[in-house]
Amino acid sequence: MATYVLLTKVSASGVKTIQANPRRIKEVNREIEALGARVVAQYATLGRYDFVNIVEAKDIETIARISVARGARGTVQIETLSAIPVETFIRAVGRKAK
């Protein structure tokens, strides 16, 4: 499984939804899991982004499908980042080119 970081900004209509039904956040997590990923961690944040989600998915196509499906509703904007474990990164950059 690959790891991805989803940085989410909630639109004005999304904020209204959260105010009316805060549990909607957990419903979205179940929707993400139904699309083939696993929410590893989730944080509400203050600042540029409203939520940070750490998600595992089998491939980039799965996470693309999730990002588009979530963004299509118009209640959020998502920036998706691929995350590499530090030890894997160190091994990769430490190898000499052949």
PDB file of N, CA and C in Angstrom:
ATOM      1  N   MET A   1       0.837  -1.181   0.000  1.00  0.00           N
ATOM      2  CA  MET A   1       0.000   0.000   0.000  1.00  0.00           C
ATOM      3  C   MET A   1       0.882   1.245   0.000  1.00  0.00           C
ATOM      4  N   ALA A   2       0.487   2.203  -0.797  1.00  0.00           N
ATOM      5  CA  ALA A   2       1.188   3.482  -0.836  1.00  0.00           C
ATOM      6  C   ALA A   2       0.511   4.451   0.121  1.00  0.00           C
ATOM      7  N   THR A   3       1.275   5.413   0.608  1.00  0.00           N
ATOM      8  CA  THR A   3       0.747   6.402   1.542  1.00  0.00           C
ATOM      9  C   THR A   3       0.608   7.741   0.851  1.00  0.00           C
ATOM     10  N   TYR A   4      -0.493   8.417   1.128  1.00  0.00           N
ATOM     11  CA  TYR A   4      -0.781   9.729   0.551  1.00  0.00           C
ATOM     12  C   TYR A   4      -1.230  10.676   1.650  1.00  0.00           C
ATOM     13  N   VAL A   5      -0.919  11.947   1.467  1.00  0.00           N
ATOM     14  CA  VAL A   5      -1.373  12.995   2.371  1.00  0.00           C
ATOM     15  C   VAL A   5      -2.390  13.824   1.595  1.00  0.00           C
ATOM     16  N   LEU A   6      -3.586  13.945   2.142  1.00  0.00           N
ATOM     17  CA  LEU A   6      -4.631  14.768   1.521  1.00  0.00           C
ATOM     18  C   LEU A   6      -4.788  16.030   2.346  1.00  0.00           C
ATOM     19  N   LEU A   7      -4.479  17.167   1.724  1.00  0.00           N
ATOM     20  CA  LEU A   7      -4.622  18.468   2.364  1.00  0.00           C
ATOM     21  C   LEU A   7      -5.934  19.053   1.873  1.00  0.00           C
ATOM     22  N   THR A   8      -6.846  19.332   2.787  1.00  0.00           N
ATOM     23  CA  THR A   8      -8.207  19.704   2.407  1.00  0.00           C
ATOM     24  C   THR A   8      -8.574  21.098   2.885  1.00  0.00           C
ATOM     25  N   LYS A   9      -9.137  21.869   1.959  1.00  0.00           N
ATOM     26  CA  LYS A   9      -9.742  23.163   2.279  1.00  0.00           C
ATOM     27  C   LYS A   9     -11.243  22.986   2.102  1.00  0.00           C
ATOM     28  N   VAL A  10     -12.002  23.387   3.100  1.00  0.00           N
ATOM     29  CA  VAL A  10     -13.447  23.236   3.068  1.00  0.00           C
ATOM     30  C   VAL A  10     -14.066  24.537   2.541  1.00  0.00           C
ATOM     31  N   SER A  11     -15.008  24.408   1.599  1.00  0.00           N
ATOM     32  CA  SER A  11     -15.707  25.578   1.051  1.00  0.00           C
ATOM     33  C   SER A  11     -16.736  26.086   2.064  1.00  0.00           C
ATOM     34  N   ALA A  12     -17.322  27.246   1.781  1.00  0.00           N
ATOM     35  CA  ALA A  12     -18.349  27.810   2.662  1.00  0.00           C
ATOM     36  C   ALA A  12     -19.515  26.839   2.838  1.00  0.00           C
ATOM     37  N   SER A  13     -19.930  26.185   1.749  1.00  0.00           N
ATOM     38  CA  SER A  13     -21.040  25.229   1.876  1.00  0.00           C
ATOM     39  C   SER A  13     -20.607  23.998   2.665  1.00  0.00           C
ATOM     40  N   GLY A  14     -19.341  23.619   2.551  1.00  0.00           N
ATOM     41  CA  GLY A  14     -18.826  22.512   3.343  1.00  0.00           C
ATOM     42  C   GLY A  14     -18.799  22.835   4.823  1.00  0.00           C
ATOM     43  N   VAL A  15     -18.455  24.076   5.158  1.00  0.00           N
ATOM     44  CA  VAL A  15     -18.458  24.506   6.557  1.00  0.00           C
ATOM     45  C   VAL A  15     -19.873  24.422   7.123  1.00  0.00           C
ATOM     46  N   LYS A  16     -20.856  24.846   6.329  1.00  0.00           N
ATOM     47  CA  LYS A  16     -22.255  24.767   6.776  1.00  0.00           C
ATOM     48  C   LYS A  16     -22.662  23.323   7.039  1.00  0.00           C
ATOM     49  N   THR A  17     -22.214  22.425   6.176  1.00  0.00           N
ATOM     50  CA  THR A  17     -22.518  21.003   6.364  1.00  0.00           C
ATOM     51  C   THR A  17     -21.907  20.496   7.665  1.00  0.00           C
ATOM     52  N   ILE A  18     -20.656  20.861   7.920  1.00  0.00           N
ATOM     53  CA  ILE A  18     -19.983  20.413   9.148  1.00  0.00           C
ATOM     54  C   ILE A  18     -20.665  20.991  10.388  1.00  0.00           C
ATOM     55  N   GLN A  19     -21.068  22.254  10.306  1.00  0.00           N
ATOM     56  CA  GLN A  19     -21.762  22.864  11.444  1.00  0.00           C
ATOM     57  C   GLN A  19     -23.085  22.153  11.729  1.00  0.00           C
ATOM     58  N   ALA A  20     -23.800  21.821  10.685  1.00  0.00           N
ATOM     59  CA  ALA A  20     -25.098  21.160  10.846  1.00  0.00           C
ATOM     60  C   ALA A  20     -24.945  19.704  11.268  1.00  0.00           C
ATOM     61  N   ASN A  21     -23.851  19.053  10.831  1.00  0.00           N
ATOM     62  CA  ASN A  21     -23.670  17.630  11.086  1.00  0.00           C
ATOM     63  C   ASN A  21     -22.177  17.307  11.204  1.00  0.00           C
ATOM     64  N   PRO A  22     -21.554  17.570  12.341  1.00  0.00           N
ATOM     65  CA  PRO A  22     -20.118  17.309  12.500  1.00  0.00           C
ATOM     66  C   PRO A  22     -19.729  15.858  12.238  1.00  0.00           C
ATOM     67  N   ARG A  23     -20.640  14.926  12.471  1.00  0.00           N
ATOM     68  CA  ARG A  23     -20.342  13.506  12.226  1.00  0.00           C
ATOM     69  C   ARG A  23     -20.172  13.208  10.744  1.00  0.00           C
ATOM     70  N   ARG A  24     -20.521  14.153   9.887  1.00  0.00           N
ATOM     71  CA  ARG A  24     -20.359  13.982   8.439  1.00  0.00           C
ATOM     72  C   ARG A  24     -18.901  13.678   8.092  1.00  0.00           C
ATOM     73  N   ILE A  25     -17.994  14.219   8.899  1.00  0.00           N
ATOM     74  CA  ILE A  25     -16.565  13.974   8.679  1.00  0.00           C
ATOM     75  C   ILE A  25     -16.275  12.475   8.715  1.00  0.00           C
ATOM     76  N   LYS A  26     -16.833  11.768   9.665  1.00  0.00           N
ATOM     77  CA  LYS A  26     -16.634  10.315   9.771  1.00  0.00           C
ATOM     78  C   LYS A  26     -17.319   9.577   8.624  1.00  0.00           C
ATOM     79  N   GLU A  27     -18.455  10.095   8.150  1.00  0.00           N
ATOM     80  CA  GLU A  27     -19.141   9.502   7.003  1.00  0.00           C
ATOM     81  C   GLU A  27     -18.251   9.579   5.758  1.00  0.00           C
ATOM     82  N   VAL A  28     -17.582  10.698   5.600  1.00  0.00           N
ATOM     83  CA  VAL A  28     -16.672  10.863   4.459  1.00  0.00           C
ATOM     84  C   VAL A  28     -15.549   9.832   4.536  1.00  0.00           C
ATOM     85  N   ASN A  29     -15.027   9.588   5.733  1.00  0.00           N
ATOM     86  CA  ASN A  29     -13.978   8.574   5.890  1.00  0.00           C
ATOM     87  C   ASN A  29     -14.463   7.209   5.425  1.00  0.00           C
ATOM     88  N   ARG A  30     -15.703   6.877   5.757  1.00  0.00           N
ATOM     89  CA  ARG A  30     -16.255   5.587   5.306  1.00  0.00           C
ATOM     90  C   ARG A  30     -16.396   5.564   3.783  1.00  0.00           C
ATOM     91  N   GLU A  31     -16.751   6.689   3.191  1.00  0.00           N
ATOM     92  CA  GLU A  31     -16.846   6.775   1.724  1.00  0.00           C
ATOM     93  C   GLU A  31     -15.476   6.568   1.087  1.00  0.00           C
ATOM     94  N   ILE A  32     -14.450   7.163   1.679  1.00  0.00           N
ATOM     95  CA  ILE A  32     -13.080   6.985   1.180  1.00  0.00           C
ATOM     96  C   ILE A  32     -12.707   5.507   1.242  1.00  0.00           C
ATOM     97  N   GLU A  33     -13.042   4.863   2.337  1.00  0.00           N
ATOM     98  CA  GLU A  33     -12.720   3.442   2.480  1.00  0.00           C
ATOM     99  C   GLU A  33     -13.511   2.588   1.499  1.00  0.00           C
ATOM    100  N   ALA A  34     -14.739   2.977   1.196  1.00  0.00           N
ATOM    101  CA  ALA A  34     -15.539   2.246   0.211  1.00  0.00           C
ATOM    102  C   ALA A  34     -14.949   2.361  -1.187  1.00  0.00           C
ATOM    103  N   LEU A  35     -14.172   3.420  -1.428  1.00  0.00           N
ATOM    104  CA  LEU A  35     -13.524   3.610  -2.733  1.00  0.00           C
ATOM    105  C   LEU A  35     -12.171   2.908  -2.808  1.00  0.00           C
ATOM    106  N   GLY A  36     -11.786   2.192  -1.744  1.00  0.00           N
ATOM    107  CA  GLY A  36     -10.593   1.350  -1.811  1.00  0.00           C
ATOM    108  C   GLY A  36      -9.376   1.848  -1.075  1.00  0.00           C
ATOM    109  N   ALA A  37      -9.521   2.829  -0.197  1.00  0.00           N
ATOM    110  CA  ALA A  37      -8.381   3.325   0.573  1.00  0.00           C
ATOM    111  C   ALA A  37      -8.667   3.159   2.056  1.00  0.00           C
ATOM    112  N   ARG A  38      -7.650   3.446   2.863  1.00  0.00           N
ATOM    113  CA  ARG A  38      -7.805   3.354   4.319  1.00  0.00           C
ATOM    114  C   ARG A  38      -7.316   4.658   4.932  1.00  0.00           C
ATOM    115  N   VAL A  39      -8.146   5.283   5.745  1.00  0.00           N
ATOM    116  CA  VAL A  39      -7.760   6.495   6.454  1.00  0.00           C
ATOM    117  C   VAL A  39      -6.941   6.066   7.664  1.00  0.00           C
ATOM    118  N   VAL A  40      -5.654   6.401   7.646  1.00  0.00           N
ATOM    119  CA  VAL A  40      -4.738   6.027   8.714  1.00  0.00           C
ATOM    120  C   VAL A  40      -4.822   7.023   9.866  1.00  0.00           C
ATOM    121  N   ALA A  41      -4.900   8.309   9.530  1.00  0.00           N
ATOM    122  CA  ALA A  41      -4.986   9.364  10.547  1.00  0.00           C
ATOM    123  C   ALA A  41      -5.686  10.565   9.925  1.00  0.00           C
ATOM    124  N   GLN A  42      -6.310  11.357  10.784  1.00  0.00           N
ATOM    125  CA  GLN A  42      -7.016  12.544  10.312  1.00  0.00           C
ATOM    126  C   GLN A  42      -6.888  13.632  11.372  1.00  0.00           C
ATOM    127  N   TYR A  43      -6.584  14.834  10.894  1.00  0.00           N
ATOM    128  CA  TYR A  43      -6.422  15.959  11.804  1.00  0.00           C
ATOM    129  C   TYR A  43      -7.188  17.165  11.273  1.00  0.00           C
ATOM    130  N   ALA A  44      -7.893  17.851  12.159  1.00  0.00           N
ATOM    131  CA  ALA A  44      -8.438  19.159  11.837  1.00  0.00           C
ATOM    132  C   ALA A  44      -7.314  20.136  12.132  1.00  0.00           C
ATOM    133  N   THR A  45      -7.065  21.066  11.227  1.00  0.00           N
ATOM    134  CA  THR A  45      -5.940  21.973  11.386  1.00  0.00           C
ATOM    135  C   THR A  45      -6.389  23.427  11.285  1.00  0.00           C
ATOM    136  N   LEU A  46      -5.601  24.297  11.840  1.00  0.00           N
ATOM    137  CA  LEU A  46      -5.842  25.722  11.737  1.00  0.00           C
ATOM    138  C   LEU A  46      -4.798  26.287  10.781  1.00  0.00           C
ATOM    139  N   GLY A  47      -5.219  27.161   9.904  1.00  0.00           N
ATOM    140  CA  GLY A  47      -4.268  27.728   8.959  1.00  0.00           C
ATOM    141  C   GLY A  47      -4.731  27.513   7.534  1.00  0.00           C
ATOM    142  N   ARG A  48      -3.789  27.277   6.667  1.00  0.00           N
ATOM    143  CA  ARG A  48      -4.051  27.183   5.230  1.00  0.00           C
ATOM    144  C   ARG A  48      -5.016  26.056   4.860  1.00  0.00           C
ATOM    145  N   TYR A  49      -4.929  24.936   5.560  1.00  0.00           N
ATOM    146  CA  TYR A  49      -5.797  23.785   5.298  1.00  0.00           C
ATOM    147  C   TYR A  49      -6.673  23.515   6.511  1.00  0.00           C
ATOM    148  N   ASP A  50      -7.853  22.983   6.257  1.00  0.00           N
ATOM    149  CA  ASP A  50      -8.788  22.674   7.336  1.00  0.00           C
ATOM    150  C   ASP A  50      -8.614  21.262   7.888  1.00  0.00           C
ATOM    151  N   PHE A  51      -8.198  20.340   7.008  1.00  0.00           N
ATOM    152  CA  PHE A  51      -7.980  18.956   7.421  1.00  0.00           C
ATOM    153  C   PHE A  51      -6.745  18.399   6.736  1.00  0.00           C
ATOM    154  N   VAL A  52      -6.055  17.510   7.450  1.00  0.00           N
ATOM    155  CA  VAL A  52      -4.956  16.733   6.897  1.00  0.00           C
ATOM    156  C   VAL A  52      -5.306  15.278   7.139  1.00  0.00           C
ATOM    157  N   ASN A  53      -5.345  14.498   6.071  1.00  0.00           N
ATOM    158  CA  ASN A  53      -5.636  13.069   6.164  1.00  0.00           C
ATOM    159  C   ASN A  53      -4.436  12.279   5.663  1.00  0.00           C
ATOM    160  N   ILE A  54      -4.074  11.256   6.397  1.00  0.00           N
ATOM    161  CA  ILE A  54      -3.065  10.305   5.951  1.00  0.00           C
ATOM    162  C   ILE A  54      -3.845   9.078   5.492  1.00  0.00           C
ATOM    163  N   VAL A  55      -3.653   8.723   4.225  1.00  0.00           N
ATOM    164  CA  VAL A  55      -4.466   7.680   3.603  1.00  0.00           C
ATOM    165  C   VAL A  55      -3.554   6.667   2.924  1.00  0.00           C
ATOM    166  N   GLU A  56      -3.897   5.405   3.027  1.00  0.00           N
ATOM    167  CA  GLU A  56      -3.205   4.350   2.282  1.00  0.00           C
ATOM    168  C   GLU A  56      -4.114   3.868   1.167  1.00  0.00           C
ATOM    169  N   ALA A  57      -3.530   3.700  -0.013  1.00  0.00           N
ATOM    170  CA  ALA A  57      -4.262   3.183  -1.167  1.00  0.00           C
ATOM    171  C   ALA A  57      -3.327   2.279  -1.961  1.00  0.00           C
ATOM    172  N   LYS A  58      -3.916   1.345  -2.704  1.00  0.00           N
ATOM    173  CA  LYS A  58      -3.078   0.374  -3.420  1.00  0.00           C
ATOM    174  C   LYS A  58      -2.312   1.000  -4.567  1.00  0.00           C
ATOM    175  N   ASP A  59      -2.841   2.093  -5.146  1.00  0.00           N
ATOM    176  CA  ASP A  59      -2.154   2.706  -6.280  1.00  0.00           C
ATOM    177  C   ASP A  59      -2.628   4.144  -6.492  1.00  0.00           C
ATOM    178  N   ILE A  60      -1.938   4.828  -7.362  1.00  0.00           N
ATOM    179  CA  ILE A  60      -2.235   6.235  -7.643  1.00  0.00           C
ATOM    180  C   ILE A  60      -3.609   6.407  -8.289  1.00  0.00           C
ATOM    181  N   GLU A  61      -4.043   5.417  -9.040  1.00  0.00           N
ATOM    182  CA  GLU A  61      -5.362   5.498  -9.671  1.00  0.00           C
ATOM    183  C   GLU A  61      -6.474   5.535  -8.619  1.00  0.00           C
ATOM    184  N   THR A  62      -6.316   4.752  -7.569  1.00  0.00           N
ATOM    185  CA  THR A  62      -7.310   4.736  -6.493  1.00  0.00           C
ATOM    186  C   THR A  62      -7.383   6.091  -5.810  1.00  0.00           C
ATOM    187  N   ILE A  63      -6.229   6.668  -5.480  1.00  0.00           N
ATOM    188  CA  ILE A  63      -6.241   7.944  -4.782  1.00  0.00           C
ATOM    189  C   ILE A  63      -6.730   9.062  -5.705  1.00  0.00           C
ATOM    190  N   ALA A  64      -6.463   8.959  -6.994  1.00  0.00           N
ATOM    191  CA  ALA A  64      -6.984   9.946  -7.946  1.00  0.00           C
ATOM    192  C   ALA A  64      -8.506   9.888  -7.990  1.00  0.00           C
ATOM    193  N   ARG A  65      -9.047   8.691  -8.007  1.00  0.00           N
ATOM    194  CA  ARG A  65     -10.502   8.508  -8.016  1.00  0.00           C
ATOM    195  C   ARG A  65     -11.135   9.132  -6.763  1.00  0.00           C
ATOM    196  N   ILE A  66     -10.483   8.933  -5.634  1.00  0.00           N
ATOM    197  CA  ILE A  66     -10.981   9.493  -4.376  1.00  0.00           C
ATOM    198  C   ILE A  66     -10.922  11.017  -4.396  1.00  0.00           C
ATOM    199  N   SER A  67      -9.811  11.566  -4.818  1.00  0.00           N
ATOM    200  CA  SER A  67      -9.654  13.025  -4.858  1.00  0.00           C
ATOM    201  C   SER A  67     -10.677  13.669  -5.786  1.00  0.00           C
ATOM    202  N   VAL A  68     -10.891  13.081  -6.939  1.00  0.00           N
ATOM    203  CA  VAL A  68     -11.867  13.633  -7.889  1.00  0.00           C
ATOM    204  C   VAL A  68     -13.288  13.492  -7.347  1.00  0.00           C
ATOM    205  N   ALA A  69     -13.602  12.346  -6.784  1.00  0.00           N
ATOM    206  CA  ALA A  69     -14.951  12.132  -6.242  1.00  0.00           C
ATOM    207  C   ALA A  69     -15.254  13.117  -5.120  1.00  0.00           C
ATOM    208  N   ARG A  70     -14.290  13.340  -4.239  1.00  0.00           N
ATOM    209  CA  ARG A  70     -14.495  14.281  -3.130  1.00  0.00           C
ATOM    210  C   ARG A  70     -14.580  15.712  -3.647  1.00  0.00           C
ATOM    211  N   GLY A  71     -13.714  16.085  -4.564  1.00  0.00           N
ATOM    212  CA  GLY A  71     -13.704  17.445  -5.082  1.00  0.00           C
ATOM    213  C   GLY A  71     -14.897  17.781  -5.952  1.00  0.00           C
ATOM    214  N   ALA A  72     -15.481  16.778  -6.596  1.00  0.00           N
ATOM    215  CA  ALA A  72     -16.606  16.997  -7.512  1.00  0.00           C
ATOM    216  C   ALA A  72     -17.841  17.532  -6.801  1.00  0.00           C
ATOM    217  N   ARG A  73     -17.936  17.333  -5.519  1.00  0.00           N
ATOM    218  CA  ARG A  73     -19.101  17.800  -4.765  1.00  0.00           C
ATOM    219  C   ARG A  73     -19.103  19.313  -4.554  1.00  0.00           C
ATOM    220  N   GLY A  74     -17.933  19.925  -4.697  1.00  0.00           N
ATOM    221  CA  GLY A  74     -17.844  21.362  -4.527  1.00  0.00           C
ATOM    222  C   GLY A  74     -17.746  21.829  -3.089  1.00  0.00           C
ATOM    223  N   THR A  75     -17.628  20.895  -2.153  1.00  0.00           N
ATOM    224  CA  THR A  75     -17.549  21.288  -0.743  1.00  0.00           C
ATOM    225  C   THR A  75     -16.120  21.326  -0.220  1.00  0.00           C
ATOM    226  N   VAL A  76     -15.188  20.779  -0.993  1.00  0.00           N
ATOM    227  CA  VAL A  76     -13.780  20.776  -0.590  1.00  0.00           C
ATOM    228  C   VAL A  76     -12.876  20.940  -1.802  1.00  0.00           C
ATOM    229  N   GLN A  77     -11.662  21.412  -1.529  1.00  0.00           N
ATOM    230  CA  GLN A  77     -10.574  21.379  -2.498  1.00  0.00           C
ATOM    231  C   GLN A  77      -9.484  20.535  -1.856  1.00  0.00           C
ATOM    232  N   ILE A  78      -8.951  19.579  -2.605  1.00  0.00           N
ATOM    233  CA  ILE A  78      -7.971  18.658  -2.052  1.00  0.00           C
ATOM    234  C   ILE A  78      -6.664  18.753  -2.828  1.00  0.00           C
ATOM    235  N   GLU A  79      -5.577  18.842  -2.091  1.00  0.00           N
ATOM    236  CA  GLU A  79      -4.240  18.710  -2.664  1.00  0.00           C
ATOM    237  C   GLU A  79      -3.715  17.371  -2.172  1.00  0.00           C
ATOM    238  N   THR A  80      -3.326  16.503  -3.094  1.00  0.00           N
ATOM    239  CA  THR A  80      -2.893  15.153  -2.745  1.00  0.00           C
ATOM    240  C   THR A  80      -1.386  15.031  -2.942  1.00  0.00           C
ATOM    241  N   LEU A  81      -0.714  14.538  -1.923  1.00  0.00           N
ATOM    242  CA  LEU A  81       0.735  14.350  -1.962  1.00  0.00           C
ATOM    243  C   LEU A  81       1.058  12.881  -1.769  1.00  0.00           C
ATOM    244  N   SER A  82       2.034  12.394  -2.511  1.00  0.00           N
ATOM    245  CA  SER A  82       2.533  11.043  -2.297  1.00  0.00           C
ATOM    246  C   SER A  82       3.559  11.112  -1.173  1.00  0.00           C
ATOM    247  N   ALA A  83       3.486  10.205  -0.222  1.00  0.00           N
ATOM    248  CA  ALA A  83       4.402  10.208   0.925  1.00  0.00           C
ATOM    249  C   ALA A  83       5.268   8.962   0.900  1.00  0.00           C
ATOM    250  N   ILE A  84       6.556   9.167   1.124  1.00  0.00           N
ATOM    251  CA  ILE A  84       7.521   8.070   1.121  1.00  0.00           C
ATOM    252  C   ILE A  84       8.120   7.974   2.521  1.00  0.00           C
ATOM    253  N   PRO A  85       8.142   6.788   3.119  1.00  0.00           N
ATOM    254  CA  PRO A  85       8.795   6.658   4.423  1.00  0.00           C
ATOM    255  C   PRO A  85      10.244   7.140   4.344  1.00  0.00           C
ATOM    256  N   VAL A  86      10.701   7.804   5.382  1.00  0.00           N
ATOM    257  CA  VAL A  86      12.042   8.401   5.371  1.00  0.00           C
ATOM    258  C   VAL A  86      13.121   7.363   5.101  1.00  0.00           C
ATOM    259  N   GLU A  87      13.021   6.197   5.707  1.00  0.00           N
ATOM    260  CA  GLU A  87      14.050   5.169   5.484  1.00  0.00           C
ATOM    261  C   GLU A  87      14.093   4.742   4.016  1.00  0.00           C
ATOM    262  N   THR A  88      12.947   4.621   3.382  1.00  0.00           N
ATOM    263  CA  THR A  88      12.897   4.290   1.954  1.00  0.00           C
ATOM    264  C   THR A  88      13.533   5.403   1.135  1.00  0.00           C
ATOM    265  N   PHE A  89      13.235   6.630   1.481  1.00  0.00           N
ATOM    266  CA  PHE A  89      13.807   7.786   0.789  1.00  0.00           C
ATOM    267  C   PHE A  89      15.331   7.799   0.917  1.00  0.00           C
ATOM    268  N   ILE A  90      15.837   7.564   2.124  1.00  0.00           N
ATOM    269  CA  ILE A  90      17.285   7.555   2.350  1.00  0.00           C
ATOM    270  C   ILE A  90      17.954   6.474   1.514  1.00  0.00           C
ATOM    271  N   ARG A  91      17.363   5.280   1.489  1.00  0.00           N
ATOM    272  CA  ARG A  91      17.934   4.197   0.674  1.00  0.00           C
ATOM    273  C   ARG A  91      17.940   4.578  -0.805  1.00  0.00           C
ATOM    274  N   ALA A  92      16.854   5.181  -1.271  1.00  0.00           N
ATOM    275  CA  ALA A  92      16.742   5.533  -2.691  1.00  0.00           C
ATOM    276  C   ALA A  92      17.767   6.592  -3.090  1.00  0.00           C
ATOM    277  N   VAL A  93      17.910   7.614  -2.301  1.00  0.00           N
ATOM    278  CA  VAL A  93      18.849   8.687  -2.681  1.00  0.00           C
ATOM    279  C   VAL A  93      20.292   8.304  -2.380  1.00  0.00           C
ATOM    280  N   GLY A  94      20.492   7.305  -1.541  1.00  0.00           N
ATOM    281  CA  GLY A  94      21.842   6.875  -1.207  1.00  0.00           C
ATOM    282  C   GLY A  94      22.448   5.934  -2.228  1.00  0.00           C
ATOM    283  N   ARG A  95      21.625   5.405  -3.130  1.00  0.00           N
ATOM    284  CA  ARG A  95      22.139   4.489  -4.160  1.00  0.00           C
ATOM    285  C   ARG A  95      22.868   5.273  -5.231  1.00  0.00           C
ATOM    286  N   LYS A  96      23.977   4.730  -5.645  1.00  0.00           N
ATOM    287  CA  LYS A  96      24.759   5.339  -6.735  1.00  0.00           C
ATOM    288  C   LYS A  96      24.094   5.008  -8.067  1.00  0.00           C
ATOM    289  N   ALA A  97      24.067   5.986  -8.963  1.00  0.00           N
ATOM    290  CA  ALA A  97      23.534   5.748 -10.313  1.00  0.00           C
ATOM    291  C   ALA A  97      24.465   4.794 -11.045  1.00  0.00           C
ATOM    292  N   LYS A  98      23.868   3.892 -11.822  1.00  0.00           N
ATOM    293  CA  LYS A  98      24.679   2.900 -12.555  1.00  0.00           C
ATOM    294  C   LYS A  98      24.875   3.333 -13.972  1.00  0.00           C
TER     295      LYS A  98
END
